[in-house]
């Protein structure tokens, strides 16, 4: 665990890939960040277009033009871009969560990867342990 003042960060890494970063205060987990690409592989723009088009387009910025020296002058446009990204990712995750629950009664919040989600669905819906 990494420690920063009163918070502790606990990364979940496998094969040099970050799956989750949990934030703790004492022994209580406050929140966690997960890499959504492990659960819903695909471009955010495509996922948002298919699952929640009512939230609008993803937007874009010229990443190669963003520099420390021009952050202040680009603050408004960068914050709008980031706000839309967060809105879209939240919408995509909520729609995916609703669909998987409706179709399979599986909560994707307990899954970190698409393969773990698929295995859970297979075991729940298609695997017959009596055979």
Protein backbone atom coordinates (compact mmCIF):
# COMPACT_ATOMS: atom_id res chain seq x y z
CA UNK A 1 0.00 0.00 0.00
CA UNK A 2 1.14 3.52 -0.78
CA UNK A 3 0.55 6.14 1.88
CA UNK A 4 -0.25 9.83 1.40
CA UNK A 5 -0.99 11.64 4.67
CA UNK A 6 -4.08 10.03 6.21
CA UNK A 7 -5.05 8.14 3.06
CA UNK A 8 -3.64 4.88 1.77
CA UNK A 9 -3.71 3.81 -1.84
CA UNK A 10 -3.92 0.13 -2.66
CA UNK A 11 -3.36 -0.71 -6.33
CA UNK A 12 -4.52 -3.97 -7.88
CA UNK A 13 -1.91 -4.81 -10.51
CA UNK A 14 -1.42 -7.88 -12.63
CA UNK A 15 1.15 -8.24 -15.42
CA UNK A 16 2.03 -4.54 -15.15
CA UNK A 17 -1.59 -3.57 -15.72
CA UNK A 18 -3.57 -1.48 -13.24
CA UNK A 19 -7.07 -2.86 -12.68
CA UNK A 20 -8.11 -0.94 -9.60
CA UNK A 21 -6.87 1.74 -7.23
CA UNK A 22 -8.60 1.69 -3.84
CA UNK A 23 -8.39 4.62 -1.43
CA UNK A 24 -8.48 3.89 2.30
CA UNK A 25 -8.67 5.94 5.46
CA UNK A 26 -7.41 3.75 8.26
CA UNK A 27 -8.90 0.37 7.34
CA UNK A 28 -12.05 1.70 5.70
CA UNK A 29 -12.21 1.80 1.92
CA UNK A 30 -13.53 5.21 0.92
CA UNK A 31 -13.76 4.65 -2.84
CA UNK A 32 -12.03 2.96 -5.72
CA UNK A 33 -11.14 3.71 -9.28
CA UNK A 34 -11.41 0.94 -11.85
CA UNK A 35 -10.24 0.87 -15.43
CA UNK A 36 -13.52 0.65 -17.35
CA UNK A 37 -11.67 -0.54 -20.46
CA UNK A 38 -11.14 -3.92 -18.75
CA UNK A 39 -14.90 -4.38 -18.38
CA UNK A 40 -16.21 -2.61 -21.48
CA UNK A 41 -13.51 -2.75 -24.14
CA UNK A 42 -14.11 -0.18 -26.83
CA UNK A 43 -13.90 3.50 -27.53
CA UNK A 44 -15.91 5.71 -25.21
CA UNK A 45 -17.34 7.56 -28.20
CA UNK A 46 -18.71 4.32 -29.70
CA UNK A 47 -20.04 3.01 -26.41
CA UNK A 48 -21.75 6.32 -25.64
CA UNK A 49 -23.18 6.54 -29.16
CA UNK A 50 -24.75 3.09 -28.80
CA UNK A 51 -25.80 3.09 -25.16
CA UNK A 52 -26.65 6.71 -24.34
CA UNK A 53 -26.78 8.96 -27.42
CA UNK A 54 -29.02 11.38 -25.51
CA UNK A 55 -25.95 12.54 -23.56
CA UNK A 56 -24.38 14.05 -26.66
CA UNK A 57 -21.10 13.49 -28.49
CA UNK A 58 -17.78 12.77 -26.81
CA UNK A 59 -15.94 15.80 -28.11
CA UNK A 60 -12.24 16.01 -28.77
CA UNK A 61 -9.12 17.94 -27.97
CA UNK A 62 -5.76 18.07 -29.65
CA UNK A 63 -3.79 16.18 -27.01
CA UNK A 64 -0.46 16.95 -28.62
CA UNK A 65 -1.14 20.69 -28.25
CA UNK A 66 -1.83 20.54 -24.51
CA UNK A 67 1.22 21.78 -22.64
CA UNK A 68 1.90 23.04 -19.16
CA UNK A 69 2.47 26.51 -20.58
CA UNK A 70 -1.05 26.75 -22.09
CA UNK A 71 -3.17 25.02 -19.44
CA UNK A 72 -4.45 28.26 -17.96
CA UNK A 73 -5.56 29.67 -21.30
CA UNK A 74 -7.26 26.39 -22.26
CA UNK A 75 -8.80 25.76 -18.83
CA UNK A 76 -12.43 26.32 -19.84
CA UNK A 77 -12.36 24.08 -22.93
CA UNK A 78 -10.39 21.35 -21.14
CA UNK A 79 -12.81 21.32 -18.20
CA UNK A 80 -15.80 21.13 -20.58
CA UNK A 81 -14.13 18.23 -22.41
CA UNK A 82 -13.38 16.39 -19.15
CA UNK A 83 -16.87 17.03 -17.77
CA UNK A 84 -18.44 15.52 -20.90
CA UNK A 85 -16.08 12.52 -20.71
CA UNK A 86 -17.08 11.85 -17.10
CA UNK A 87 -20.78 12.29 -17.94
CA UNK A 88 -20.50 9.86 -20.86
CA UNK A 89 -18.51 7.27 -18.93
CA UNK A 90 -21.01 7.39 -16.08
CA UNK A 91 -23.90 7.04 -18.53
CA UNK A 92 -22.25 4.14 -20.34
CA UNK A 93 -21.47 2.30 -17.11
CA UNK A 94 -25.01 2.83 -15.77
CA UNK A 95 -26.63 1.62 -19.02
CA UNK A 96 -24.33 -1.41 -19.16
CA UNK A 97 -25.07 -2.16 -15.50
CA UNK A 98 -28.82 -1.93 -16.14
CA UNK A 99 -28.65 -4.17 -19.22
CA UNK A 100 -26.56 -6.88 -17.61
CA UNK A 101 -28.86 -6.88 -14.59
CA UNK A 102 -32.00 -7.04 -16.75
CA UNK A 103 -30.65 -9.80 -19.02
CA UNK A 104 -28.65 -11.92 -16.56
CA UNK A 105 -29.27 -10.64 -13.00
CA UNK A 106 -25.54 -9.95 -12.68
CA UNK A 107 -24.19 -6.76 -11.12
CA UNK A 108 -21.17 -5.56 -13.09
CA UNK A 109 -19.90 -3.53 -10.13
CA UNK A 110 -18.57 -6.73 -8.60
CA UNK A 111 -16.61 -7.58 -11.76
CA UNK A 112 -13.29 -6.10 -12.82
CA UNK A 113 -12.85 -7.69 -16.25
CA UNK A 114 -15.06 -8.77 -19.12
CA UNK A 115 -13.82 -12.34 -18.76
CA UNK A 116 -14.89 -12.47 -15.09
CA UNK A 117 -18.30 -11.10 -16.08
CA UNK A 118 -18.65 -13.68 -18.87
CA UNK A 119 -17.66 -16.52 -16.53
CA UNK A 120 -20.23 -15.39 -13.95
CA UNK A 121 -22.97 -15.27 -16.58
CA UNK A 122 -21.98 -18.69 -17.92
CA UNK A 123 -22.01 -20.26 -14.46
CA UNK A 124 -25.30 -18.63 -13.54
CA UNK A 125 -27.25 -19.23 -16.75
CA UNK A 126 -25.68 -22.07 -18.70
CA UNK A 127 -23.54 -24.31 -16.51
CA UNK A 128 -25.25 -27.37 -15.11
CA UNK A 129 -23.17 -28.68 -12.20
CA UNK A 130 -25.21 -31.89 -12.03
CA UNK A 131 -23.73 -33.15 -15.32
